[in-house]
Protein backbone atom coordinates (compact mmCIF):
# COMPACT_ATOMS: atom_id res chain seq x y z
CA UNK A 1 -42.74 25.26 -17.37
CA UNK A 2 -39.46 24.50 -16.72
CA UNK A 3 -36.35 27.16 -17.08
CA UNK A 4 -32.65 26.28 -18.06
CA UNK A 5 -29.98 28.78 -16.26
CA UNK A 6 -26.43 28.86 -16.87
CA UNK A 7 -24.25 30.14 -14.65
CA UNK A 8 -21.33 29.38 -15.95
CA UNK A 9 -17.45 30.41 -14.70
CA UNK A 10 -14.48 30.21 -16.68
CA UNK A 11 -11.44 30.63 -15.00
CA UNK A 12 -7.97 29.89 -16.54
CA UNK A 13 -5.30 28.34 -13.94
CA UNK A 14 -2.16 27.71 -14.71
CA UNK A 15 -0.64 24.09 -15.03
CA UNK A 16 2.52 22.57 -16.10
CA UNK A 17 0.90 19.57 -18.48
CA UNK A 18 2.84 20.24 -21.40
CA UNK A 19 0.30 17.86 -23.64
CA UNK A 20 -1.82 19.59 -26.43
CA UNK A 21 -4.86 16.27 -25.78
CA UNK A 22 -8.27 16.56 -24.78
CA UNK A 23 -8.44 15.76 -21.45
CA UNK A 24 -10.73 12.70 -20.38
CA UNK A 25 -13.31 13.99 -18.30
CA UNK A 26 -16.45 13.05 -16.76
CA UNK A 27 -19.74 15.62 -15.60
CA UNK A 28 -20.53 15.42 -12.31
CA UNK A 29 -24.48 15.35 -12.54
CA UNK A 30 -26.39 15.75 -8.73
CA UNK A 31 -30.02 15.86 -8.14
CA UNK A 32 -31.24 18.52 -5.75
CA UNK A 33 -35.06 17.55 -4.82
CA UNK A 34 -37.56 20.47 -3.37
CA UNK A 35 -40.62 19.49 -1.53
CA UNK A 36 -43.94 19.59 -2.12
CA UNK A 37 -47.00 17.93 -0.37
CA UNK A 38 -50.54 16.39 -1.64
CA UNK A 39 -52.12 13.08 -2.52
CA UNK A 40 -53.74 13.54 -5.32
CA UNK A 41 -51.97 14.79 -9.24
CA UNK A 42 -54.11 18.26 -8.85
CA UNK A 43 -52.90 18.60 -4.89
CA UNK A 44 -49.22 18.09 -6.10
CA UNK A 45 -48.82 19.76 -8.88
CA UNK A 46 -50.58 22.75 -7.62
CA UNK A 47 -47.69 22.67 -4.74
CA UNK A 48 -45.29 22.16 -7.06
CA UNK A 49 -46.90 26.28 -8.68
CA UNK A 50 -46.22 27.28 -5.13
CA UNK A 51 -42.43 25.43 -4.39
CA UNK A 52 -40.92 25.17 -7.60
CA UNK A 53 -37.98 27.17 -8.72
CA UNK A 54 -38.26 30.98 -9.40
CA UNK A 55 -38.72 31.40 -13.23
CA UNK A 56 -38.99 35.23 -13.91
CA UNK A 57 -42.38 36.45 -12.59
CA UNK A 58 -43.86 32.41 -11.81
CA UNK A 59 -42.37 29.75 -10.69
CA UNK A 60 -40.59 26.09 -13.19
CA UNK A 61 -41.61 22.58 -12.42
CA UNK A 62 -37.65 21.75 -12.50
CA UNK A 63 -34.57 23.38 -13.65
CA UNK A 64 -31.03 22.39 -15.23
CA UNK A 65 -27.86 24.48 -13.61
CA UNK A 66 -24.25 24.14 -14.49
CA UNK A 67 -21.42 25.29 -13.13
CA UNK A 68 -18.04 25.11 -15.28
CA UNK A 69 -14.17 25.18 -14.73
CA UNK A 70 -11.56 25.82 -16.48
CA UNK A 71 -7.64 24.31 -15.93
CA UNK A 72 -6.10 25.91 -19.07
CA UNK A 73 -2.72 26.52 -19.44
CA UNK A 74 -1.60 29.52 -22.54
CA UNK A 75 2.35 28.96 -23.80
CA UNK A 76 4.52 31.51 -25.42
CA UNK A 77 5.63 29.86 -28.81
CA UNK A 78 8.24 31.92 -30.59
CA UNK A 79 5.86 35.86 -31.17
CA UNK A 80 2.85 33.54 -30.76
CA UNK A 81 0.58 32.04 -27.85
CA UNK A 82 -1.45 28.78 -27.67
CA UNK A 83 -3.86 27.01 -25.02
CA UNK A 84 -1.87 23.35 -24.50
CA UNK A 85 -4.12 22.20 -21.69
CA UNK A 86 -8.00 22.66 -21.36
CA UNK A 87 -9.23 20.47 -19.39
CA UNK A 88 -12.63 21.02 -17.95
CA UNK A 89 -14.73 20.54 -14.34
CA UNK A 90 -18.38 20.37 -15.33
CA UNK A 91 -20.48 20.02 -12.51
CA UNK A 92 -24.52 19.56 -13.77
CA UNK A 93 -27.25 20.04 -10.96
CA UNK A 94 -31.09 18.83 -11.90
CA UNK A 95 -33.48 20.73 -9.21
CA UNK A 96 -36.96 18.52 -9.05
CA UNK A 97 -39.98 18.36 -7.09
CA UNK A 98 -40.22 15.19 -5.15
CA UNK A 99 -43.04 14.33 -2.85
CA UNK A 100 -42.46 14.58 1.56
CA UNK A 101 -45.07 11.61 2.17
CA UNK A 102 -46.21 8.33 0.84
CA UNK A 103 -48.47 9.05 -2.23
CA UNK A 104 -52.02 6.60 -2.26
CA UNK A 105 -50.78 3.50 -5.39
CA UNK A 106 -53.37 5.58 -7.45
CA UNK A 107 -51.72 8.59 -7.53
CA UNK A 108 -48.20 7.19 -6.72
CA UNK A 109 -48.15 5.74 -10.42
CA UNK A 110 -49.25 9.31 -12.28
CA UNK A 111 -46.27 11.06 -10.21
CA UNK A 112 -44.16 8.32 -10.96
CA UNK A 113 -44.99 8.87 -15.44
CA UNK A 114 -45.04 12.33 -14.67
CA UNK A 115 -41.44 12.89 -12.94
CA UNK A 116 -40.13 10.49 -15.12
CA UNK A 117 -40.64 12.47 -18.03
CA UNK A 118 -39.89 16.13 -16.30
CA UNK A 119 -36.11 14.06 -15.18
CA UNK A 120 -35.79 12.93 -19.04
CA UNK A 121 -37.11 16.69 -20.13
CA UNK A 122 -34.35 18.05 -18.05
CA UNK A 123 -31.89 15.40 -18.86
CA UNK A 124 -32.11 16.34 -22.68
CA UNK A 125 -30.76 20.25 -21.45
CA UNK A 126 -27.69 18.73 -19.39
CA UNK A 127 -26.40 16.46 -22.67
CA UNK A 128 -26.08 19.86 -24.67
CA UNK A 129 -24.50 21.51 -21.64
CA UNK A 130 -22.35 18.39 -22.26
CA UNK A 131 -21.97 18.67 -26.10
CA UNK A 132 -21.04 22.25 -25.41
CA UNK A 133 -18.46 22.06 -22.90
CA UNK A 134 -16.73 19.14 -25.29
CA UNK A 135 -16.96 21.92 -28.36
CA UNK A 136 -15.10 24.46 -26.42
CA UNK A 137 -12.21 21.84 -25.05
CA UNK A 138 -12.07 20.79 -29.39
CA UNK A 139 -12.05 24.54 -29.78
CA UNK A 140 -9.80 25.66 -27.53
CA UNK A 141 -7.42 23.22 -27.21
CA UNK A 142 -4.33 23.84 -29.91
CA UNK A 143 -5.94 27.47 -30.05
CA UNK A 144 -3.01 29.82 -31.74
CA UNK A 145 -2.80 33.52 -31.85
CA UNK A 146 0.01 34.98 -33.45
CA UNK A 147 1.98 38.02 -32.66
CA UNK A 148 1.04 37.64 -28.88
CA UNK A 149 3.82 36.81 -26.91
CA UNK A 150 2.50 37.83 -24.00
CA UNK A 151 -0.82 35.42 -24.43
CA UNK A 152 -3.35 38.65 -23.84
CA UNK A 153 -4.83 38.32 -27.43
CA UNK A 154 -6.01 34.69 -27.38
CA UNK A 155 -7.78 34.96 -23.75
CA UNK A 156 -9.75 37.60 -26.16
CA UNK A 157 -10.46 35.91 -28.64
CA UNK A 158 -11.60 32.69 -26.66
CA UNK A 159 -13.80 34.50 -24.91
CA UNK A 160 -15.71 35.92 -28.12
CA UNK A 161 -15.57 31.83 -29.16
CA UNK A 162 -16.59 30.64 -26.18
CA UNK A 163 -19.60 33.37 -26.35
CA UNK A 164 -20.74 32.31 -29.97
CA UNK A 165 -20.45 28.49 -28.46
CA UNK A 166 -22.37 29.29 -25.23
CA UNK A 167 -25.06 31.24 -27.22
CA UNK A 168 -25.76 28.47 -29.61
CA UNK A 169 -26.49 26.44 -26.95
CA UNK A 170 -28.58 28.39 -24.55
CA UNK A 171 -30.55 28.53 -28.08
CA UNK A 172 -30.97 24.85 -28.03
CA UNK A 173 -32.64 25.13 -25.10
CA UNK A 174 -34.77 27.38 -25.78
CA UNK A 175 -35.97 25.61 -28.67
CA UNK A 176 -36.45 23.12 -27.25
CA UNK A 177 -38.62 23.88 -24.49
CA UNK A 178 -40.72 25.70 -27.27
CA UNK A 179 -41.75 22.44 -28.59
CA UNK A 180 -41.79 20.58 -25.19
CA UNK A 181 -44.30 23.23 -23.49
CA UNK A 182 -46.13 24.26 -26.04
CA UNK A 183 -50.04 23.25 -27.36
CA UNK A 184 -49.94 19.68 -27.32
CA UNK A 185 -46.11 19.12 -26.43
CA UNK A 186 -44.85 17.01 -23.91
CA UNK A 187 -44.32 18.63 -20.75
CA UNK A 188 -47.82 20.33 -21.24
CA UNK A 189 -49.14 16.47 -21.64
CA UNK A 190 -47.77 15.30 -18.36
CA UNK A 191 -49.08 18.15 -16.77
CA UNK A 192 -52.68 17.07 -17.76
CA UNK A 193 -52.27 13.46 -17.24
CA UNK A 194 -51.09 14.27 -12.99
CA UNK A 195 -53.76 16.84 -12.98
CA UNK A 196 -56.14 15.20 -14.12
CA UNK A 197 -55.31 11.35 -12.75
CA UNK A 198 -55.88 10.09 -9.39
């Protein structure tokens, strides 16, 4: 029911910072609610089905997207090229359902249990994205390519490495969703409790 989108933008920006060290950075995490309606768990879930973010042929309950850009400095050193600065800017956006009106007490309790579980699920995707960025940072800083005084080959090598890291992160997300949304999985249980509750 949830879907994990990857929207990566990689930008190399030349700066004058000479230090070759891992940057101190923090991900910006945003919640983007979409409005649903209903007074019972079943009505709320039906509204999610009608208004949730598009996911293939249907709709998702929630999803996590991110935008990743980099400030990079490539520095020729002799006949080689080295990445001496590699600072990420990461924005993670969680799209989650939010009831538009006040809920009856019993339905409110069911809803809070449901949305808490959905948020926890999406935060796991957020953590894997942050781990991916840290891996890219660690792999990139100090990367050296010989016989590359114009710093062209290094970009090709960096793109290859980033592709591998990104693919691993996507696979982790798919594997996690498969468990969470499979028969008897956490998301399925959350849905059943919401729909069958008050």
